[in-house]
Structure formats: C-alpha cells, structure tokens
Protein backbone atom coordinates (compact mmCIF):
# COMPACT_ATOMS: atom_id res chain seq x y z
CA MET A 1 -6.62 11.17 -1.74
CA TRP A 2 -5.79 8.57 0.94
CA GLN A 3 -2.00 9.34 2.42
CA GLN A 4 -0.33 6.77 4.85
CA THR A 5 3.01 7.49 7.13
CA PRO A 6 3.87 4.47 8.88
CA ALA A 7 6.22 3.78 10.75
CA THR A 8 9.07 0.97 11.30
CA PRO A 9 9.96 -0.76 13.94
CA ASP A 10 13.15 1.45 14.03
CA GLY A 11 10.75 4.80 13.93
CA ALA A 12 11.42 5.77 10.48
CA LYS A 13 8.42 7.38 8.61
CA PHE A 14 7.86 7.60 4.81
CA PHE A 15 4.96 8.11 2.78
CA ASN A 16 2.83 6.09 0.74
CA PRO A 17 0.31 7.55 -1.42
CA MET A 18 -3.60 5.95 -1.98
CA ARG A 19 -6.42 6.89 -3.92
CA VAL A 20 -9.75 5.63 -4.61
CA VAL A 21 -11.08 6.63 -7.67
CA PRO A 22 -15.69 5.29 -8.89
CA ASP A 23 -15.83 3.50 -11.76
CA GLY A 24 -19.39 2.63 -12.66
CA ASP A 25 -20.72 0.42 -8.91
CA ALA A 26 -17.66 -0.18 -8.52
CA SER A 27 -14.10 1.70 -7.51
CA ILE A 28 -11.17 1.96 -8.41
CA LEU A 29 -7.99 1.70 -5.25
CA SER A 30 -4.58 2.92 -6.48
CA PHE A 31 -1.32 2.17 -4.26
CA ILE A 32 2.31 4.08 -4.87
CA LEU A 33 5.02 2.18 -3.07
CA PHE A 34 8.18 4.04 -2.64
CA ARG A 35 11.07 2.04 -3.42
CA GLN A 36 13.02 3.45 0.52
CA ASP A 37 16.70 4.77 0.47
CA GLY A 38 18.61 1.97 1.23
CA TRP A 39 16.32 -0.98 0.42
CA ASP A 40 17.32 -3.64 -1.97
CA ASP A 41 16.00 -5.64 -4.50
CA ASP A 42 14.09 -8.22 -1.81
CA ARG A 43 13.21 -5.35 0.92
CA LEU A 44 10.99 -3.90 -2.03
CA ALA A 45 9.73 -7.03 -3.03
CA GLY A 46 8.80 -8.14 0.88
CA ASP A 47 7.31 -4.67 1.91
CA ALA A 48 5.45 -5.06 -1.98
CA ALA A 49 4.45 -8.54 -0.61
CA LEU A 50 3.18 -7.23 2.39
CA VAL A 51 1.15 -4.59 0.66
CA GLN A 52 -0.42 -6.73 -1.35
CA ALA A 53 -2.11 -9.18 1.13
CA ASP A 54 -3.12 -5.88 3.06
CA LEU A 55 -4.69 -5.61 -0.43
CA ASP A 56 -6.23 -9.01 -0.74
CA ARG A 57 -8.33 -8.64 3.43
CA LEU A 58 -9.00 -5.02 1.85
CA LYS A 59 -10.47 -6.52 -1.43
CA ALA A 60 -12.21 -10.19 0.18
CA HIS A 61 -13.65 -7.59 2.93
CA LEU A 62 -15.31 -5.59 0.45
CA SER A 63 -17.00 -7.71 -1.73
CA ALA A 64 -18.12 -9.63 1.55
C-alpha cells in the first residue's frame, strides 16, 4: 500500500491511501479520496476531478 499525504497551500495535510493489486498481466489501482472537514460537495467534486486527471495521466503513461 502506498500512502499519499499531500499538503494544501495553507499547509493542511491529509491522508490518501492507494493500493496496487496484481491482476494477471495487469494491475488494479485503488485510490481512496476522503472528504475533508469543511469541504462542501463542490470542493469534494473539484478535488475528485483533479485526482481523476492524475489517474488518467498515469494510465496513459503506463499504457504507452
């Protein structure tokens, strides 16, 4: 398991666990995005979109 602890511009840190599991000739990556204290639905959706963009770039890189 890989754990990411990013920091926001104001220095707040939060925990994002990630796991890669072998699946035959491929792998399955799971990433858990937790809603942080004070986040409304729009803030969570915005952060989820950033995570999805990162995962899409990772997939494109690994598939090349």
